[in-house]
């Protein structure tokens, strides 16, 4: 059984993370200081450093758990033996959209703060390695749907275009009053059609040279 001190310590840590997430999402990561996070969490500016050495440590703690769960879901879909590639890509896309919509206030924190290029081979931080591994799963799913022959450069370009589309969906509904599930129920068929149209365009360009 945890001691009272251990319970208080966990409560303080949760309060700091909650305050950091709220401040990062409302004011932006760069404009928030550790002192302000400590004040919002109800602890001293020295206490916060017992739990987190800097803002990047907070960013890591806030992001890695949810992104790891998303990666596990996408990996499971990609590795299923039955579905055809187009179905796998559709399901992966829907999971990503659902994740974005469910975490609208944290989207920038999870995906863009201190991010690097998606094709960076060895990012310095664990968070960016996680982000790029998620993109790599999407890229793998996109490539499985493309006709052959195609080049690595084409796969990367089409995967980026595909990812931009998913981000555009997220941006469109970032401030919607509807829940993520309500949006998926109302617009799921539209999202799936967008995926189909993209794949048709990619296939046409590869097989007809864009003519």
Protein backbone atom coordinates (compact mmCIF):
# COMPACT_ATOMS: atom_id res chain seq x y z
CA UNK A 1 0.00 0.00 0.00
CA UNK A 2 1.45 3.42 -0.94
CA UNK A 3 2.30 5.78 1.89
CA UNK A 4 0.64 9.17 2.36
CA UNK A 5 3.80 10.82 1.08
CA UNK A 6 3.78 8.68 -2.06
CA UNK A 7 0.11 9.49 -2.66
CA UNK A 8 0.77 13.22 -2.24
CA UNK A 9 3.74 12.95 -4.56
CA UNK A 10 1.63 11.31 -7.29
CA UNK A 11 -1.10 13.91 -6.81
CA UNK A 12 1.44 16.71 -7.19
CA UNK A 13 2.84 15.12 -10.34
CA UNK A 14 -0.66 14.76 -11.83
CA UNK A 15 -1.46 18.38 -10.98
CA UNK A 16 1.71 19.55 -12.70
CA UNK A 17 0.95 17.54 -15.83
CA UNK A 18 -2.63 18.75 -15.91
CA UNK A 19 -1.54 22.37 -15.52
CA UNK A 20 1.15 21.99 -18.17
CA UNK A 21 -1.25 20.43 -20.66
CA UNK A 22 -3.82 23.17 -20.14
CA UNK A 23 -1.30 25.99 -20.42
CA UNK A 24 0.48 24.49 -23.43
CA UNK A 25 -2.81 23.99 -25.27
CA UNK A 26 -4.23 27.45 -24.54
CA UNK A 27 -1.13 29.65 -24.72
CA UNK A 28 1.38 27.64 -26.70
CA UNK A 29 4.38 25.65 -25.55
CA UNK A 30 7.01 28.33 -26.11
CA UNK A 31 5.23 31.10 -24.21
CA UNK A 32 4.70 29.13 -20.98
CA UNK A 33 7.34 29.03 -18.24
CA UNK A 34 8.02 26.40 -15.63
CA UNK A 35 7.23 28.96 -12.94
CA UNK A 36 3.79 29.55 -14.43
CA UNK A 37 3.12 25.82 -14.60
CA UNK A 38 4.11 25.43 -10.97
CA UNK A 39 1.80 28.26 -9.93
CA UNK A 40 -1.13 26.77 -11.86
CA UNK A 41 -0.41 23.37 -10.28
CA UNK A 42 -0.35 24.84 -6.78
CA UNK A 43 3.26 24.04 -6.02
CA UNK A 44 6.43 26.11 -5.67
CA UNK A 45 8.73 26.85 -8.61
CA UNK A 46 11.40 24.73 -6.92
CA UNK A 47 9.10 21.75 -6.25
CA UNK A 48 8.26 21.32 -9.93
CA UNK A 49 11.90 20.52 -10.71
CA UNK A 50 11.76 17.55 -8.34
CA UNK A 51 9.41 15.90 -10.81
CA UNK A 52 10.39 17.37 -14.19
CA UNK A 53 13.75 18.84 -15.10
CA UNK A 54 12.36 21.13 -17.84
CA UNK A 55 9.47 21.75 -20.23
CA UNK A 56 10.69 19.08 -22.64
CA UNK A 57 10.34 16.50 -19.90
CA UNK A 58 6.74 17.63 -19.42
CA UNK A 59 6.14 17.51 -23.18
CA UNK A 60 7.52 13.97 -23.26
CA UNK A 61 5.41 12.80 -20.32
CA UNK A 62 2.22 14.31 -21.72
CA UNK A 63 2.68 12.89 -25.23
CA UNK A 64 4.38 9.52 -25.12
CA UNK A 65 1.60 7.50 -23.46
CA UNK A 66 -1.22 8.48 -25.86
CA UNK A 67 1.04 8.22 -28.92
CA UNK A 68 2.30 4.79 -27.86
CA UNK A 69 -1.30 3.58 -27.58
CA UNK A 70 -2.07 4.97 -31.05
CA UNK A 71 1.01 3.25 -32.46
CA UNK A 72 -0.07 -0.06 -30.96
CA UNK A 73 -3.51 0.26 -32.56
CA UNK A 74 -2.11 1.16 -35.99
CA UNK A 75 0.48 -1.62 -35.86
CA UNK A 76 -2.20 -4.18 -35.03
CA UNK A 77 -4.29 -3.09 -38.01
CA UNK A 78 -1.32 -3.12 -40.35
CA UNK A 79 -0.28 -6.62 -39.26
CA UNK A 80 -3.72 -8.23 -39.59
CA UNK A 81 -3.49 -11.05 -42.15
CA UNK A 82 -6.97 -10.73 -43.67
CA UNK A 83 -7.96 -7.26 -44.88
CA UNK A 84 -6.87 -5.95 -48.27
CA UNK A 85 -4.42 -2.98 -48.23
CA UNK A 86 -7.09 -0.39 -49.03
CA UNK A 87 -9.20 -1.55 -46.10
CA UNK A 88 -6.19 -1.44 -43.78
CA UNK A 89 -5.36 2.10 -44.88
CA UNK A 90 -8.96 3.20 -44.37
CA UNK A 91 -9.06 1.75 -40.86
CA UNK A 92 -5.68 3.26 -39.97
CA UNK A 93 -6.86 6.62 -41.27
CA UNK A 94 -10.08 6.41 -39.28
CA UNK A 95 -8.16 5.57 -36.11
CA UNK A 96 -5.86 8.54 -36.65
CA UNK A 97 -8.77 10.90 -37.33
CA UNK A 98 -10.61 9.58 -34.28
CA UNK A 99 -7.49 10.08 -32.17
CA UNK A 100 -7.04 13.64 -33.46
CA UNK A 101 -10.67 14.53 -32.81
CA UNK A 102 -10.61 13.05 -29.32
CA UNK A 103 -7.45 15.01 -28.44
CA UNK A 104 -8.13 18.30 -30.19
CA UNK A 105 -6.78 20.49 -27.41
CA UNK A 106 -3.54 18.47 -27.27
CA UNK A 107 -2.97 17.96 -31.00
CA UNK A 108 -0.14 20.48 -31.34
CA UNK A 109 1.53 19.18 -28.20
CA UNK A 110 1.38 15.58 -29.41
CA UNK A 111 2.46 16.18 -33.00
CA UNK A 112 4.04 19.54 -33.75
CA UNK A 113 5.86 21.04 -30.76
CA UNK A 114 9.61 20.61 -31.27
CA UNK A 115 8.92 18.27 -34.20
CA UNK A 116 11.40 17.32 -36.93
CA UNK A 117 11.00 16.23 -40.54
CA UNK A 118 8.99 13.05 -40.98
CA UNK A 119 11.83 11.51 -42.98
CA UNK A 120 14.50 12.33 -40.40
CA UNK A 121 16.25 8.95 -40.02
CA UNK A 122 17.38 9.27 -36.41
CA UNK A 123 15.67 12.04 -34.41
CA UNK A 124 17.42 13.11 -31.24
CA UNK A 125 14.43 12.80 -28.91
CA UNK A 126 12.31 9.78 -28.09
CA UNK A 127 9.16 11.81 -28.76
CA UNK A 128 10.20 12.63 -32.30
CA UNK A 129 11.21 9.04 -32.88
CA UNK A 130 7.69 8.07 -31.83
CA UNK A 131 6.13 10.68 -34.10
CA UNK A 132 8.18 9.53 -37.06
CA UNK A 133 7.40 5.89 -36.37
CA UNK A 134 3.69 6.76 -36.58
CA UNK A 135 4.28 8.44 -39.93
CA UNK A 136 6.27 5.41 -41.05
CA UNK A 137 3.28 3.16 -40.31
CA UNK A 138 1.04 5.42 -42.36
CA UNK A 139 3.62 5.47 -45.13
CA UNK A 140 3.77 1.68 -45.13
CA UNK A 141 -0.02 1.48 -45.40
CA UNK A 142 -0.04 3.98 -48.28
CA UNK A 143 2.69 2.12 -50.16
CA UNK A 144 0.78 -1.16 -49.92
CA UNK A 145 -2.04 0.48 -51.88
CA UNK A 146 0.12 1.89 -54.69
CA UNK A 147 0.60 0.14 -58.03
CA UNK A 148 4.09 -0.92 -58.99
CA UNK A 149 6.50 0.30 -60.08
CA UNK A 150 6.99 3.31 -57.83
CA UNK A 151 9.99 4.99 -56.23
CA UNK A 152 10.79 5.71 -52.59
CA UNK A 153 10.53 9.41 -53.38
CA UNK A 154 7.00 8.94 -54.74
CA UNK A 155 5.94 6.95 -51.70
CA UNK A 156 7.23 9.67 -49.36
CA UNK A 157 5.56 12.42 -51.39
CA UNK A 158 2.19 10.65 -51.53
CA UNK A 159 2.38 9.76 -47.84
CA UNK A 160 3.00 13.40 -47.01
CA UNK A 161 0.02 14.45 -49.16
CA UNK A 162 -2.07 11.82 -47.42
CA UNK A 163 -0.97 13.03 -43.99
CA UNK A 164 -1.74 16.64 -44.98
CA UNK A 165 -5.28 15.52 -45.77
CA UNK A 166 -5.68 13.93 -42.35
CA UNK A 167 -4.32 17.08 -40.72
CA UNK A 168 -6.74 19.18 -42.77
CA UNK A 169 -9.66 17.16 -41.44
CA UNK A 170 -8.42 17.74 -37.92
CA UNK A 171 -7.95 21.48 -38.47
CA UNK A 172 -11.42 21.82 -39.98
CA UNK A 173 -13.09 20.44 -36.85
CA UNK A 174 -10.60 21.61 -34.23
CA UNK A 175 -13.14 23.99 -32.68
CA UNK A 176 -16.30 22.03 -33.35
CA UNK A 177 -18.75 21.60 -30.49
CA UNK A 178 -19.46 18.05 -31.66
CA UNK A 179 -17.60 15.21 -30.01
CA UNK A 180 -15.16 13.09 -31.93
CA UNK A 181 -17.63 10.19 -32.09
CA UNK A 182 -20.43 12.49 -33.30
CA UNK A 183 -18.18 13.80 -36.06
CA UNK A 184 -17.12 10.29 -37.06
CA UNK A 185 -20.75 9.16 -37.20
CA UNK A 186 -21.86 12.15 -39.24
CA UNK A 187 -18.84 12.46 -41.55
CA UNK A 188 -17.25 9.01 -41.58
CA UNK A 189 -18.50 8.27 -45.10
CA UNK A 190 -17.03 11.58 -46.31
CA UNK A 191 -13.69 10.79 -44.72
CA UNK A 192 -13.67 7.37 -46.38
CA UNK A 193 -14.52 8.91 -49.75
CA UNK A 194 -11.63 11.37 -49.35
CA UNK A 195 -9.31 8.39 -48.83
CA UNK A 196 -10.69 6.66 -51.92
CA UNK A 197 -10.28 9.78 -54.06
CA UNK A 198 -6.69 10.22 -52.94
CA UNK A 199 -5.81 6.64 -53.79
CA UNK A 200 -7.47 6.96 -57.20
CA UNK A 201 -5.40 10.07 -57.84
CA UNK A 202 -2.16 8.44 -56.73
CA UNK A 203 -2.81 5.38 -58.88
CA UNK A 204 -3.73 7.46 -61.93
CA UNK A 205 -0.61 9.58 -61.62
CA UNK A 206 1.65 6.55 -61.26
CA UNK A 207 0.09 4.65 -64.13
CA UNK A 208 -0.55 7.55 -66.53
CA UNK A 209 2.17 9.99 -65.56
CA UNK A 210 -0.36 12.56 -64.35
CA UNK A 211 -2.02 12.86 -67.81
